[in-house]
PDB file of N, CA and C in Angstrom:
ATOM      1  N   MET A   1     -44.410 -81.345  23.365  1.00  0.00           N
ATOM      2  CA  MET A   1     -44.220 -79.930  23.101  1.00  0.00           C
ATOM      3  C   MET A   1     -43.631 -79.286  24.350  1.00  0.00           C
ATOM      4  N   PHE A   2     -42.646 -78.435  24.153  1.00  0.00           N
ATOM      5  CA  PHE A   2     -42.020 -77.699  25.241  1.00  0.00           C
ATOM      6  C   PHE A   2     -42.221 -76.208  25.007  1.00  0.00           C
ATOM      7  N   TYR A   3     -42.203 -75.453  26.096  1.00  0.00           N
ATOM      8  CA  TYR A   3     -42.386 -74.005  26.008  1.00  0.00           C
ATOM      9  C   TYR A   3     -41.285 -73.336  26.810  1.00  0.00           C
ATOM     10  N   LYS A   4     -40.607 -72.380  26.229  1.00  0.00           N
ATOM     11  CA  LYS A   4     -39.588 -71.583  26.909  1.00  0.00           C
ATOM     12  C   LYS A   4     -40.167 -70.199  27.157  1.00  0.00           C
ATOM     13  N   LYS A   5     -40.210 -69.749  28.414  1.00  0.00           N
ATOM     14  CA  LYS A   5     -40.846 -68.483  28.783  1.00  0.00           C
ATOM     15  C   LYS A   5     -40.293 -67.315  27.977  1.00  0.00           C
ATOM     16  N   ASN A   6     -41.232 -66.474  27.495  1.00  0.00           N
ATOM     17  CA  ASN A   6     -40.870 -65.226  26.835  1.00  0.00           C
ATOM     18  C   ASN A   6     -42.042 -64.260  26.980  1.00  0.00           C
ATOM     19  N   SER A   7     -41.834 -63.013  26.613  1.00  0.00           N
ATOM     20  CA  SER A   7     -42.866 -61.998  26.830  1.00  0.00           C
ATOM     21  C   SER A   7     -43.747 -61.759  25.606  1.00  0.00           C
ATOM     22  N   ASP A   8     -43.608 -62.556  24.563  1.00  0.00           N
ATOM     23  CA  ASP A   8     -44.391 -62.393  23.339  1.00  0.00           C
ATOM     24  C   ASP A   8     -45.666 -63.238  23.376  1.00  0.00           C
ATOM     25  N   GLY A   9     -46.599 -62.900  22.490  1.00  0.00           N
ATOM     26  CA  GLY A   9     -47.740 -63.771  22.240  1.00  0.00           C
ATOM     27  C   GLY A   9     -48.965 -63.598  23.118  1.00  0.00           C
ATOM     28  N   TYR A  10     -49.053 -62.520  23.880  1.00  0.00           N
ATOM     29  CA  TYR A  10     -50.242 -62.308  24.711  1.00  0.00           C
ATOM     30  C   TYR A  10     -51.368 -61.707  23.889  1.00  0.00           C
ATOM     31  N   ASN A  11     -52.585 -62.162  24.128  1.00  0.00           N
ATOM     32  CA  ASN A  11     -53.806 -61.582  23.562  1.00  0.00           C
ATOM     33  C   ASN A  11     -54.555 -60.881  24.680  1.00  0.00           C
ATOM     34  N   ALA A  12     -55.396 -59.927  24.336  1.00  0.00           N
ATOM     35  CA  ALA A  12     -56.183 -59.199  25.340  1.00  0.00           C
ATOM     36  C   ALA A  12     -57.662 -59.336  24.997  1.00  0.00           C
ATOM     37  N   PRO A  13     -58.307 -60.419  25.452  1.00  0.00           N
ATOM     38  CA  PRO A  13     -59.714 -60.631  25.117  1.00  0.00           C
ATOM     39  C   PRO A  13     -60.668 -59.682  25.829  1.00  0.00           C
ATOM     40  N   LEU A  14     -60.250 -59.144  26.979  1.00  0.00           N
ATOM     41  CA  LEU A  14     -61.060 -58.206  27.767  1.00  0.00           C
ATOM     42  C   LEU A  14     -60.144 -57.128  28.329  1.00  0.00           C
ATOM     43  N   GLU A  15     -60.729 -55.985  28.669  1.00  0.00           N
ATOM     44  CA  GLU A  15     -59.980 -54.896  29.291  1.00  0.00           C
ATOM     45  C   GLU A  15     -59.324 -55.403  30.586  1.00  0.00           C
ATOM     46  N   GLY A  16     -58.004 -55.248  30.686  1.00  0.00           N
ATOM     47  CA  GLY A  16     -57.276 -55.637  31.893  1.00  0.00           C
ATOM     48  C   GLY A  16     -56.949 -57.115  31.979  1.00  0.00           C
ATOM     49  N   ILE A  17     -57.259 -57.878  30.935  1.00  0.00           N
ATOM     50  CA  ILE A  17     -57.015 -59.330  30.929  1.00  0.00           C
ATOM     51  C   ILE A  17     -56.124 -59.674  29.740  1.00  0.00           C
ATOM     52  N   LYS A  18     -54.982 -60.309  30.011  1.00  0.00           N
ATOM     53  CA  LYS A  18     -54.123 -60.807  28.945  1.00  0.00           C
ATOM     54  C   LYS A  18     -54.001 -62.321  29.101  1.00  0.00           C
ATOM     55  N   LEU A  19     -53.986 -63.025  27.974  1.00  0.00           N
ATOM     56  CA  LEU A  19     -53.814 -64.469  28.030  1.00  0.00           C
ATOM     57  C   LEU A  19     -52.828 -64.921  26.991  1.00  0.00           C
ATOM     58  N   LYS A  20     -52.170 -66.015  27.314  1.00  0.00           N
ATOM     59  CA  LYS A  20     -51.171 -66.576  26.415  1.00  0.00           C
ATOM     60  C   LYS A  20     -51.277 -68.089  26.455  1.00  0.00           C
ATOM     61  N   SER A  21     -51.357 -68.689  25.292  1.00  0.00           N
ATOM     62  CA  SER A  21     -51.320 -70.140  25.181  1.00  0.00           C
ATOM     63  C   SER A  21     -49.873 -70.571  25.385  1.00  0.00           C
ATOM     64  N   LEU A  22     -49.622 -71.433  26.390  1.00  0.00           N
ATOM     65  CA  LEU A  22     -48.253 -71.856  26.680  1.00  0.00           C
ATOM     66  C   LEU A  22     -47.889 -73.126  25.914  1.00  0.00           C
ATOM     67  N   THR A  23     -48.651 -74.166  26.128  1.00  0.00           N
ATOM     68  CA  THR A  23     -48.396 -75.432  25.461  1.00  0.00           C
ATOM     69  C   THR A  23     -49.675 -76.262  25.471  1.00  0.00           C
ATOM     70  N   HIS A  24     -49.750 -77.212  24.564  1.00  0.00           N
ATOM     71  CA  HIS A  24     -50.923 -78.080  24.523  1.00  0.00           C
ATOM     72  C   HIS A  24     -50.544 -79.434  23.943  1.00  0.00           C
ATOM     73  N   GLY A  25     -51.371 -80.406  24.294  1.00  0.00           N
ATOM     74  CA  GLY A  25     -51.226 -81.744  23.741  1.00  0.00           C
ATOM     75  C   GLY A  25     -52.501 -82.095  23.007  1.00  0.00           C
ATOM     76  N   GLU A  26     -52.777 -83.357  22.928  1.00  0.00           N
ATOM     77  CA  GLU A  26     -53.988 -83.817  22.244  1.00  0.00           C
ATOM     78  C   GLU A  26     -55.243 -83.527  23.070  1.00  0.00           C
ATOM     79  N   LYS A  27     -55.135 -83.601  24.417  1.00  0.00           N
ATOM     80  CA  LYS A  27     -56.318 -83.492  25.268  1.00  0.00           C
ATOM     81  C   LYS A  27     -56.278 -82.339  26.264  1.00  0.00           C
ATOM     82  N   THR A  28     -55.133 -81.713  26.476  1.00  0.00           N
ATOM     83  CA  THR A  28     -55.040 -80.630  27.455  1.00  0.00           C
ATOM     84  C   THR A  28     -54.348 -79.412  26.854  1.00  0.00           C
ATOM     85  N   HIS A  29     -54.596 -78.272  27.494  1.00  0.00           N
ATOM     86  CA  HIS A  29     -54.101 -76.998  26.982  1.00  0.00           C
ATOM     87  C   HIS A  29     -53.765 -76.109  28.182  1.00  0.00           C
ATOM     88  N   MET A  30     -52.513 -75.650  28.272  1.00  0.00           N
ATOM     89  CA  MET A  30     -52.088 -74.806  29.387  1.00  0.00           C
ATOM     90  C   MET A  30     -51.970 -73.358  28.925  1.00  0.00           C
ATOM     91  N   CYS A  31     -52.549 -72.451  29.719  1.00  0.00           N
ATOM     92  CA  CYS A  31     -52.534 -71.018  29.414  1.00  0.00           C
ATOM     93  C   CYS A  31     -52.092 -70.229  30.639  1.00  0.00           C
ATOM     94  N   GLU A  32     -51.523 -69.053  30.372  1.00  0.00           N
ATOM     95  CA  GLU A  32     -51.191 -68.106  31.427  1.00  0.00           C
ATOM     96  C   GLU A  32     -52.092 -66.892  31.261  1.00  0.00           C
ATOM     97  N   PHE A  33     -52.645 -66.422  32.365  1.00  0.00           N
ATOM     98  CA  PHE A  33     -53.467 -65.219  32.381  1.00  0.00           C
ATOM     99  C   PHE A  33     -52.788 -64.182  33.266  1.00  0.00           C
ATOM    100  N   VAL A  34     -52.698 -62.948  32.773  1.00  0.00           N
ATOM    101  CA  VAL A  34     -52.169 -61.818  33.540  1.00  0.00           C
ATOM    102  C   VAL A  34     -53.328 -60.836  33.659  1.00  0.00           C
ATOM    103  N   LEU A  35     -53.767 -60.594  34.910  1.00  0.00           N
ATOM    104  CA  LEU A  35     -54.987 -59.826  35.144  1.00  0.00           C
ATOM    105  C   LEU A  35     -54.692 -58.591  35.985  1.00  0.00           C
ATOM    106  N   GLU A  36     -55.239 -57.459  35.577  1.00  0.00           N
ATOM    107  CA  GLU A  36     -55.045 -56.208  36.307  1.00  0.00           C
ATOM    108  C   GLU A  36     -56.086 -56.053  37.403  1.00  0.00           C
ATOM    109  N   ALA A  37     -55.667 -55.502  38.535  1.00  0.00           N
ATOM    110  CA  ALA A  37     -56.591 -55.221  39.634  1.00  0.00           C
ATOM    111  C   ALA A  37     -57.759 -54.389  39.119  1.00  0.00           C
ATOM    112  N   GLY A  38     -58.965 -54.730  39.551  1.00  0.00           N
ATOM    113  CA  GLY A  38     -60.158 -54.003  39.150  1.00  0.00           C
ATOM    114  C   GLY A  38     -60.823 -54.539  37.906  1.00  0.00           C
ATOM    115  N   SER A  39     -60.161 -55.419  37.184  1.00  0.00           N
ATOM    116  CA  SER A  39     -60.779 -55.997  35.992  1.00  0.00           C
ATOM    117  C   SER A  39     -61.709 -57.143  36.398  1.00  0.00           C
ATOM    118  N   ALA A  40     -62.534 -57.576  35.453  1.00  0.00           N
ATOM    119  CA  ALA A  40     -63.503 -58.630  35.747  1.00  0.00           C
ATOM    120  C   ALA A  40     -63.686 -59.524  34.530  1.00  0.00           C
ATOM    121  N   ILE A  41     -63.970 -60.778  34.799  1.00  0.00           N
ATOM    122  CA  ILE A  41     -64.340 -61.731  33.763  1.00  0.00           C
ATOM    123  C   ILE A  41     -65.830 -62.000  33.969  1.00  0.00           C
ATOM    124  N   PRO A  42     -66.671 -61.543  33.040  1.00  0.00           N
ATOM    125  CA  PRO A  42     -68.117 -61.702  33.230  1.00  0.00           C
ATOM    126  C   PRO A  42     -68.530 -63.170  33.225  1.00  0.00           C
ATOM    127  N   GLU A  43     -69.709 -63.436  33.766  1.00  0.00           N
ATOM    128  CA  GLU A  43     -70.193 -64.813  33.814  1.00  0.00           C
ATOM    129  C   GLU A  43     -70.219 -65.404  32.409  1.00  0.00           C
ATOM    130  N   HIS A  44     -69.723 -66.606  32.316  1.00  0.00           N
ATOM    131  CA  HIS A  44     -69.667 -67.327  31.051  1.00  0.00           C
ATOM    132  C   HIS A  44     -69.556 -68.818  31.345  1.00  0.00           C
ATOM    133  N   SER A  45     -69.682 -69.623  30.332  1.00  0.00           N
ATOM    134  CA  SER A  45     -69.430 -71.058  30.454  1.00  0.00           C
ATOM    135  C   SER A  45     -68.862 -71.551  29.134  1.00  0.00           C
ATOM    136  N   HIS A  46     -68.252 -72.707  29.183  1.00  0.00           N
ATOM    137  CA  HIS A  46     -67.668 -73.333  27.996  1.00  0.00           C
ATOM    138  C   HIS A  46     -67.616 -74.833  28.264  1.00  0.00           C
ATOM    139  N   PRO A  47     -67.506 -75.634  27.234  1.00  0.00           N
ATOM    140  CA  PRO A  47     -67.525 -77.088  27.437  1.00  0.00           C
ATOM    141  C   PRO A  47     -66.241 -77.641  28.059  1.00  0.00           C
ATOM    142  N   HIS A  48     -65.227 -76.812  28.214  1.00  0.00           N
ATOM    143  CA  HIS A  48     -63.926 -77.259  28.697  1.00  0.00           C
ATOM    144  C   HIS A  48     -63.874 -77.337  30.221  1.00  0.00           C
ATOM    145  N   GLU A  49     -63.336 -78.424  30.745  1.00  0.00           N
ATOM    146  CA  GLU A  49     -62.988 -78.473  32.160  1.00  0.00           C
ATOM    147  C   GLU A  49     -61.816 -77.519  32.347  1.00  0.00           C
ATOM    148  N   GLN A  50     -61.789 -76.790  33.460  1.00  0.00           N
ATOM    149  CA  GLN A  50     -60.805 -75.727  33.680  1.00  0.00           C
ATOM    150  C   GLN A  50     -60.194 -75.902  35.063  1.00  0.00           C
ATOM    151  N   THR A  51     -58.902 -76.169  35.117  1.00  0.00           N
ATOM    152  CA  THR A  51     -58.196 -76.351  36.379  1.00  0.00           C
ATOM    153  C   THR A  51     -57.111 -75.291  36.463  1.00  0.00           C
ATOM    154  N   GLY A  52     -57.089 -74.547  37.572  1.00  0.00           N
ATOM    155  CA  GLY A  52     -56.170 -73.426  37.656  1.00  0.00           C
ATOM    156  C   GLY A  52     -55.408 -73.342  38.956  1.00  0.00           C
ATOM    157  N   TYR A  53     -54.356 -72.513  38.928  1.00  0.00           N
ATOM    158  CA  TYR A  53     -53.475 -72.265  40.063  1.00  0.00           C
ATOM    159  C   TYR A  53     -53.139 -70.778  40.076  1.00  0.00           C
ATOM    160  N   LEU A  54     -53.356 -70.124  41.218  1.00  0.00           N
ATOM    161  CA  LEU A  54     -53.048 -68.698  41.341  1.00  0.00           C
ATOM    162  C   LEU A  54     -51.587 -68.546  41.750  1.00  0.00           C
ATOM    163  N   VAL A  55     -50.781 -68.008  40.835  1.00  0.00           N
ATOM    164  CA  VAL A  55     -49.359 -67.809  41.072  1.00  0.00           C
ATOM    165  C   VAL A  55     -49.145 -66.599  41.975  1.00  0.00           C
ATOM    166  N   SER A  56     -49.846 -65.497  41.672  1.00  0.00           N
ATOM    167  CA  SER A  56     -49.701 -64.276  42.464  1.00  0.00           C
ATOM    168  C   SER A  56     -50.985 -63.460  42.377  1.00  0.00           C
ATOM    169  N   GLY A  57     -51.201 -62.602  43.380  1.00  0.00           N
ATOM    170  CA  GLY A  57     -52.357 -61.713  43.386  1.00  0.00           C
ATOM    171  C   GLY A  57     -53.500 -62.232  44.231  1.00  0.00           C
ATOM    172  N   LYS A  58     -54.689 -61.719  43.926  1.00  0.00           N
ATOM    173  CA  LYS A  58     -55.898 -62.100  44.671  1.00  0.00           C
ATOM    174  C   LYS A  58     -57.094 -61.945  43.741  1.00  0.00           C
ATOM    175  N   ILE A  59     -57.940 -62.984  43.671  1.00  0.00           N
ATOM    176  CA  ILE A  59     -59.103 -63.017  42.783  1.00  0.00           C
ATOM    177  C   ILE A  59     -60.286 -63.629  43.518  1.00  0.00           C
ATOM    178  N   ASP A  60     -61.474 -63.073  43.291  1.00  0.00           N
ATOM    179  CA  ASP A  60     -62.714 -63.675  43.780  1.00  0.00           C
ATOM    180  C   ASP A  60     -63.411 -64.362  42.609  1.00  0.00           C
ATOM    181  N   PHE A  61     -63.566 -65.682  42.708  1.00  0.00           N
ATOM    182  CA  PHE A  61     -64.311 -66.447  41.709  1.00  0.00           C
ATOM    183  C   PHE A  61     -65.742 -66.609  42.199  1.00  0.00           C
ATOM    184  N   LEU A  62     -66.702 -66.511  41.299  1.00  0.00           N
ATOM    185  CA  LEU A  62     -68.103 -66.703  41.646  1.00  0.00           C
ATOM    186  C   LEU A  62     -68.651 -67.860  40.817  1.00  0.00           C
ATOM    187  N   MET A  63     -69.267 -68.826  41.524  1.00  0.00           N
ATOM    188  CA  MET A  63     -69.816 -70.000  40.863  1.00  0.00           C
ATOM    189  C   MET A  63     -70.887 -70.597  41.747  1.00  0.00           C
ATOM    190  N   GLU A  64     -72.013 -70.905  41.156  1.00  0.00           N
ATOM    191  CA  GLU A  64     -73.147 -71.506  41.875  1.00  0.00           C
ATOM    192  C   GLU A  64     -73.546 -70.694  43.099  1.00  0.00           C
ATOM    193  N   GLY A  65     -73.533 -69.355  42.962  1.00  0.00           N
ATOM    194  CA  GLY A  65     -73.953 -68.491  44.052  1.00  0.00           C
ATOM    195  C   GLY A  65     -72.955 -68.376  45.191  1.00  0.00           C
ATOM    196  N   ARG A  66     -71.768 -68.925  45.021  1.00  0.00           N
ATOM    197  CA  ARG A  66     -70.745 -68.881  46.074  1.00  0.00           C
ATOM    198  C   ARG A  66     -69.511 -68.138  45.565  1.00  0.00           C
ATOM    199  N   THR A  67     -68.802 -67.496  46.498  1.00  0.00           N
ATOM    200  CA  THR A  67     -67.562 -66.802  46.173  1.00  0.00           C
ATOM    201  C   THR A  67     -66.392 -67.574  46.759  1.00  0.00           C
ATOM    202  N   PHE A  68     -65.368 -67.779  45.944  1.00  0.00           N
ATOM    203  CA  PHE A  68     -64.130 -68.410  46.387  1.00  0.00           C
ATOM    204  C   PHE A  68     -63.036 -67.367  46.276  1.00  0.00           C
ATOM    205  N   GLY A  69     -62.524 -66.918  47.414  1.00  0.00           N
ATOM    206  CA  GLY A  69     -61.456 -65.929  47.434  1.00  0.00           C
ATOM    207  C   GLY A  69     -60.116 -66.623  47.277  1.00  0.00           C
ATOM    208  N   ALA A  70     -59.513 -66.514  46.098  1.00  0.00           N
ATOM    209  CA  ALA A  70     -58.245 -67.195  45.817  1.00  0.00           C
ATOM    210  C   ALA A  70     -57.058 -66.292  46.105  1.00  0.00           C
ATOM    211  N   GLU A  71     -56.051 -66.870  46.769  1.00  0.00           N
ATOM    212  CA  GLU A  71     -54.802 -66.200  47.079  1.00  0.00           C
ATOM    213  C   GLU A  71     -53.657 -67.062  46.544  1.00  0.00           C
ATOM    214  N   PRO A  72     -52.437 -66.534  46.466  1.00  0.00           N
ATOM    215  CA  PRO A  72     -51.331 -67.307  45.896  1.00  0.00           C
ATOM    216  C   PRO A  72     -51.222 -68.708  46.505  1.00  0.00           C
ATOM    217  N   GLY A  73     -51.087 -69.688  45.616  1.00  0.00           N
ATOM    218  CA  GLY A  73     -50.996 -71.080  46.030  1.00  0.00           C
ATOM    219  C   GLY A  73     -52.319 -71.824  46.002  1.00  0.00           C
ATOM    220  N   ASP A  74     -53.441 -71.095  45.873  1.00  0.00           N
ATOM    221  CA  ASP A  74     -54.762 -71.740  45.813  1.00  0.00           C
ATOM    222  C   ASP A  74     -55.015 -72.266  44.402  1.00  0.00           C
ATOM    223  N   SER A  75     -55.864 -73.280  44.315  1.00  0.00           N
ATOM    224  CA  SER A  75     -56.188 -73.870  43.017  1.00  0.00           C
ATOM    225  C   SER A  75     -57.663 -74.216  42.953  1.00  0.00           C
ATOM    226  N   TRP A  76     -58.146 -74.543  41.757  1.00  0.00           N
ATOM    227  CA  TRP A  76     -59.563 -74.811  41.537  1.00  0.00           C
ATOM    228  C   TRP A  76     -59.727 -75.704  40.310  1.00  0.00           C
ATOM    229  N   SER A  77     -60.875 -76.312  40.218  1.00  0.00           N
ATOM    230  CA  SER A  77     -61.264 -77.063  39.029  1.00  0.00           C
ATOM    231  C   SER A  77     -62.736 -76.784  38.776  1.00  0.00           C
ATOM    232  N   ILE A  78     -63.040 -76.292  37.590  1.00  0.00           N
ATOM    233  CA  ILE A  78     -64.401 -75.915  37.225  1.00  0.00           C
ATOM    234  C   ILE A  78     -64.874 -76.879  36.148  1.00  0.00           C
ATOM    235  N   PRO A  79     -65.970 -77.591  36.388  1.00  0.00           N
ATOM    236  CA  PRO A  79     -66.476 -78.531  35.385  1.00  0.00           C
ATOM    237  C   PRO A  79     -66.891 -77.814  34.104  1.00  0.00           C
ATOM    238  N   GLY A  80     -66.846 -78.517  32.994  1.00  0.00           N
ATOM    239  CA  GLY A  80     -67.322 -77.969  31.737  1.00  0.00           C
ATOM    240  C   GLY A  80     -68.783 -77.567  31.843  1.00  0.00           C
ATOM    241  N   ASP A  81     -69.171 -76.530  31.118  1.00  0.00           N
ATOM    242  CA  ASP A  81     -70.541 -76.014  31.051  1.00  0.00           C
ATOM    243  C   ASP A  81     -71.043 -75.403  32.360  1.00  0.00           C
ATOM    244  N   MET A  82     -70.157 -75.154  33.324  1.00  0.00           N
ATOM    245  CA  MET A  82     -70.546 -74.547  34.602  1.00  0.00           C
ATOM    246  C   MET A  82     -70.376 -73.028  34.497  1.00  0.00           C
ATOM    247  N   PRO A  83     -71.464 -72.244  34.642  1.00  0.00           N
ATOM    248  CA  PRO A  83     -71.319 -70.784  34.621  1.00  0.00           C
ATOM    249  C   PRO A  83     -70.416 -70.302  35.762  1.00  0.00           C
ATOM    250  N   HIS A  84     -69.505 -69.383  35.440  1.00  0.00           N
ATOM    251  CA  HIS A  84     -68.589 -68.838  36.439  1.00  0.00           C
ATOM    252  C   HIS A  84     -68.124 -67.451  36.000  1.00  0.00           C
ATOM    253  N   SER A  85     -67.633 -66.677  36.972  1.00  0.00           N
ATOM    254  CA  SER A  85     -67.103 -65.343  36.707  1.00  0.00           C
ATOM    255  C   SER A  85     -66.003 -65.058  37.717  1.00  0.00           C
ATOM    256  N   ALA A  86     -65.318 -63.920  37.545  1.00  0.00           N
ATOM    257  CA  ALA A  86     -64.240 -63.579  38.471  1.00  0.00           C
ATOM    258  C   ALA A  86     -64.061 -62.069  38.542  1.00  0.00           C
ATOM    259  N   ASN A  87     -63.695 -61.608  39.735  1.00  0.00           N
ATOM    260  CA  ASN A  87     -63.329 -60.216  39.967  1.00  0.00           C
ATOM    261  C   ASN A  87     -61.886 -60.195  40.455  1.00  0.00           C
ATOM    262  N   VAL A  88     -61.056 -59.392  39.815  1.00  0.00           N
ATOM    263  CA  VAL A  88     -59.634 -59.348  40.130  1.00  0.00           C
ATOM    264  C   VAL A  88     -59.409 -58.281  41.198  1.00  0.00           C
ATOM    265  N   ILE A  89     -58.983 -58.708  42.367  1.00  0.00           N
ATOM    266  CA  ILE A  89     -58.805 -57.822  43.518  1.00  0.00           C
ATOM    267  C   ILE A  89     -57.428 -57.152  43.478  1.00  0.00           C
ATOM    268  N   GLU A  90     -56.391 -57.925  43.143  1.00  0.00           N
ATOM    269  CA  GLU A  90     -55.020 -57.424  43.025  1.00  0.00           C
ATOM    270  C   GLU A  90     -54.465 -57.887  41.676  1.00  0.00           C
ATOM    271  N   ASP A  91     -53.467 -57.186  41.145  1.00  0.00           N
ATOM    272  CA  ASP A  91     -52.790 -57.685  39.945  1.00  0.00           C
ATOM    273  C   ASP A  91     -52.467 -59.155  40.172  1.00  0.00           C
ATOM    274  N   SER A  92     -52.778 -60.005  39.188  1.00  0.00           N
ATOM    275  CA  SER A  92     -52.688 -61.446  39.399  1.00  0.00           C
ATOM    276  C   SER A  92     -52.122 -62.166  38.186  1.00  0.00           C
ATOM    277  N   VAL A  93     -51.545 -63.331  38.451  1.00  0.00           N
ATOM    278  CA  VAL A  93     -51.095 -64.254  37.406  1.00  0.00           C
ATOM    279  C   VAL A  93     -51.676 -65.622  37.728  1.00  0.00           C
ATOM    280  N   ILE A  94     -52.310 -66.222  36.715  1.00  0.00           N
ATOM    281  CA  ILE A  94     -52.932 -67.538  36.843  1.00  0.00           C
ATOM    282  C   ILE A  94     -52.346 -68.451  35.775  1.00  0.00           C
ATOM    283  N   VAL A  95     -52.159 -69.714  36.107  1.00  0.00           N
ATOM    284  CA  VAL A  95     -51.879 -70.753  35.123  1.00  0.00           C
ATOM    285  C   VAL A  95     -53.069 -71.694  35.144  1.00  0.00           C
ATOM    286  N   GLU A  96     -53.662 -71.932  33.959  1.00  0.00           N
ATOM    287  CA  GLU A  96     -54.829 -72.807  33.873  1.00  0.00           C
ATOM    288  C   GLU A  96     -54.641 -73.853  32.792  1.00  0.00           C
ATOM    289  N   VAL A  97     -55.217 -75.023  33.050  1.00  0.00           N
ATOM    290  CA  VAL A  97     -55.221 -76.126  32.097  1.00  0.00           C
ATOM    291  C   VAL A  97     -56.666 -76.396  31.707  1.00  0.00           C
ATOM    292  N   PHE A  98     -56.915 -76.467  30.405  1.00  0.00           N
ATOM    293  CA  PHE A  98     -58.244 -76.742  29.872  1.00  0.00           C
ATOM    294  C   PHE A  98     -58.239 -78.103  29.182  1.00  0.00           C
ATOM    295  N   SER A  99     -59.368 -78.780  29.287  1.00  0.00           N
ATOM    296  CA  SER A  99     -59.550 -80.038  28.557  1.00  0.00           C
ATOM    297  C   SER A  99     -60.988 -80.099  28.072  1.00  0.00           C
ATOM    298  N   PRO A 100     -61.213 -80.299  26.776  1.00  0.00           N
ATOM    299  CA  PRO A 100     -60.218 -80.459  25.717  1.00  0.00           C
ATOM    300  C   PRO A 100     -59.522 -79.140  25.397  1.00  0.00           C
ATOM    301  N   VAL A 101     -58.634 -79.183  24.426  1.00  0.00           N
ATOM    302  CA  VAL A 101     -57.877 -78.003  23.989  1.00  0.00           C
ATOM    303  C   VAL A 101     -58.827 -76.892  23.577  1.00  0.00           C
ATOM    304  N   ARG A 102     -58.533 -75.672  23.999  1.00  0.00           N
ATOM    305  CA  ARG A 102     -59.329 -74.503  23.596  1.00  0.00           C
ATOM    306  C   ARG A 102     -58.772 -73.962  22.286  1.00  0.00           C
ATOM    307  N   GLU A 103     -59.331 -74.432  21.211  1.00  0.00           N
ATOM    308  CA  GLU A 103     -58.862 -74.068  19.872  1.00  0.00           C
ATOM    309  C   GLU A 103     -58.827 -72.559  19.652  1.00  0.00           C
ATOM    310  N   GLU A 104     -59.797 -71.821  20.244  1.00  0.00           N
ATOM    311  CA  GLU A 104     -59.845 -70.373  20.045  1.00  0.00           C
ATOM    312  C   GLU A 104     -58.695 -69.646  20.726  1.00  0.00           C
ATOM    313  N   TYR A 105     -57.964 -70.320  21.623  1.00  0.00           N
ATOM    314  CA  TYR A 105     -56.824 -69.697  22.296  1.00  0.00           C
ATOM    315  C   TYR A 105     -55.495 -69.998  21.600  1.00  0.00           C
ATOM    316  N   LEU A 106     -55.488 -70.901  20.644  1.00  0.00           N
ATOM    317  CA  LEU A 106     -54.237 -71.277  19.973  1.00  0.00           C
ATOM    318  C   LEU A 106     -53.747 -70.153  19.068  1.00  0.00           C
TER     319      LEU A 106
END
């Protein structure tokens, strides 16, 4: 499957958070997140392993009582079922890969 960039297809699951499913295979799923400064992703968990890359902006991730201040070029991998949250410090763009595929994002 190939994906050609366009501005259509974004969903807004939370205030200030937009997400778009880019492409997926049998075992992995790539998404783009566009996050507004001041928005937050409340603590949650899911069975999917989540690996991400911060394209632009600044975000504080919270996991296991620790804060990871992500800046452009930083990346992370969050194990499945691990509670985590995030606070968006600056307007940001993230690309994340989930495994297995997040059916609810398709």
